[in-house]
């Protein structure tokens, strides 16, 4: 069973100005991490990848009744 993740992707100032809200489908936290880590637009140089898993763990997760393909649904990134 997969989950809809609503993820707060903000990296605190002064560390970065990257941030936003990402909605994605994943089976578990590790798959969500793998999907986000592979997305170059979120953190082009992977400088803040260490902050990704805590944000995934704290994300709002909603169980999906139907089977959907894993991946990013929407991303608002500054």
Protein backbone atom coordinates (compact mmCIF):
# COMPACT_ATOMS: atom_id res chain seq x y z
CA UNK A 1 0.00 0.00 0.00
CA UNK A 2 1.32 3.43 -0.92
CA UNK A 3 1.08 6.78 0.81
CA UNK A 4 0.56 10.33 -0.34
CA UNK A 5 3.32 12.42 1.26
CA UNK A 6 2.87 16.15 1.80
CA UNK A 7 6.39 17.25 2.57
CA UNK A 8 7.64 20.57 3.90
CA UNK A 9 10.94 20.92 2.06
CA UNK A 10 12.25 24.11 3.68
CA UNK A 11 15.92 24.27 4.58
CA UNK A 12 16.38 26.87 7.32
CA UNK A 13 18.08 30.20 6.67
CA UNK A 14 21.03 30.91 6.65
CA UNK A 15 21.90 27.39 5.44
CA UNK A 16 19.95 27.77 2.23
CA UNK A 17 17.23 29.50 0.35
CA UNK A 18 15.96 26.23 -1.12
CA UNK A 19 12.55 25.19 0.02
CA UNK A 20 8.95 24.57 -0.74
CA UNK A 21 6.16 22.06 -0.53
CA UNK A 22 6.35 18.71 -2.32
CA UNK A 23 3.53 16.20 -2.82
CA UNK A 24 4.56 12.70 -3.83
CA UNK A 25 3.48 9.07 -3.77
CA UNK A 26 5.76 6.46 -2.22
CA UNK A 27 5.50 3.08 -0.54
CA UNK A 28 7.62 4.10 2.46
CA UNK A 29 10.01 6.77 3.77
CA UNK A 30 13.04 5.23 2.02
CA UNK A 31 11.33 5.24 -1.37
CA UNK A 32 10.26 8.86 -0.80
CA UNK A 33 13.88 9.73 -0.01
CA UNK A 34 15.15 7.97 -3.14
CA UNK A 35 12.62 9.79 -5.35
CA UNK A 36 13.46 13.20 -3.90
CA UNK A 37 17.23 12.64 -3.86
CA UNK A 38 17.10 11.82 -7.58
CA UNK A 39 15.27 15.07 -8.43
CA UNK A 40 17.94 17.60 -9.46
CA UNK A 41 15.64 20.65 -9.20
CA UNK A 42 15.11 20.20 -5.45
CA UNK A 43 18.75 20.39 -4.38
CA UNK A 44 21.00 20.66 -7.45
CA UNK A 45 24.30 20.04 -5.65
CA UNK A 46 22.91 17.74 -2.89
CA UNK A 47 24.29 20.15 -0.29
CA UNK A 48 21.25 19.69 1.98
CA UNK A 49 20.46 16.01 1.43
CA UNK A 50 21.11 15.34 5.14
CA UNK A 51 18.02 17.43 6.00
CA UNK A 52 15.78 15.43 3.67
CA UNK A 53 15.02 12.33 5.77
CA UNK A 54 13.90 14.26 8.90
CA UNK A 55 11.48 16.22 6.68
CA UNK A 56 10.19 12.98 5.16
CA UNK A 57 9.68 11.39 8.58
CA UNK A 58 7.71 14.46 9.73
CA UNK A 59 5.67 14.71 6.51
CA UNK A 60 1.91 14.29 6.49
CA UNK A 61 1.25 10.78 5.15
CA UNK A 62 -2.13 9.66 3.85
CA UNK A 63 -2.76 5.99 2.94
CA UNK A 64 -4.03 5.54 -0.61
CA UNK A 65 -6.92 3.14 -1.23
CA UNK A 66 -5.95 2.47 -4.85
CA UNK A 67 -2.62 1.56 -6.41
CA UNK A 68 -0.73 4.48 -7.96
CA UNK A 69 2.70 4.84 -9.52
CA UNK A 70 5.36 6.26 -7.20
CA UNK A 71 6.69 9.71 -8.01
CA UNK A 72 6.38 13.42 -7.45
CA UNK A 73 2.86 14.75 -8.00
CA UNK A 74 3.57 18.45 -7.51
CA UNK A 75 6.39 20.65 -6.20
CA UNK A 76 6.37 24.32 -5.27
CA UNK A 77 10.03 25.23 -4.84
CA UNK A 78 11.61 28.64 -4.32
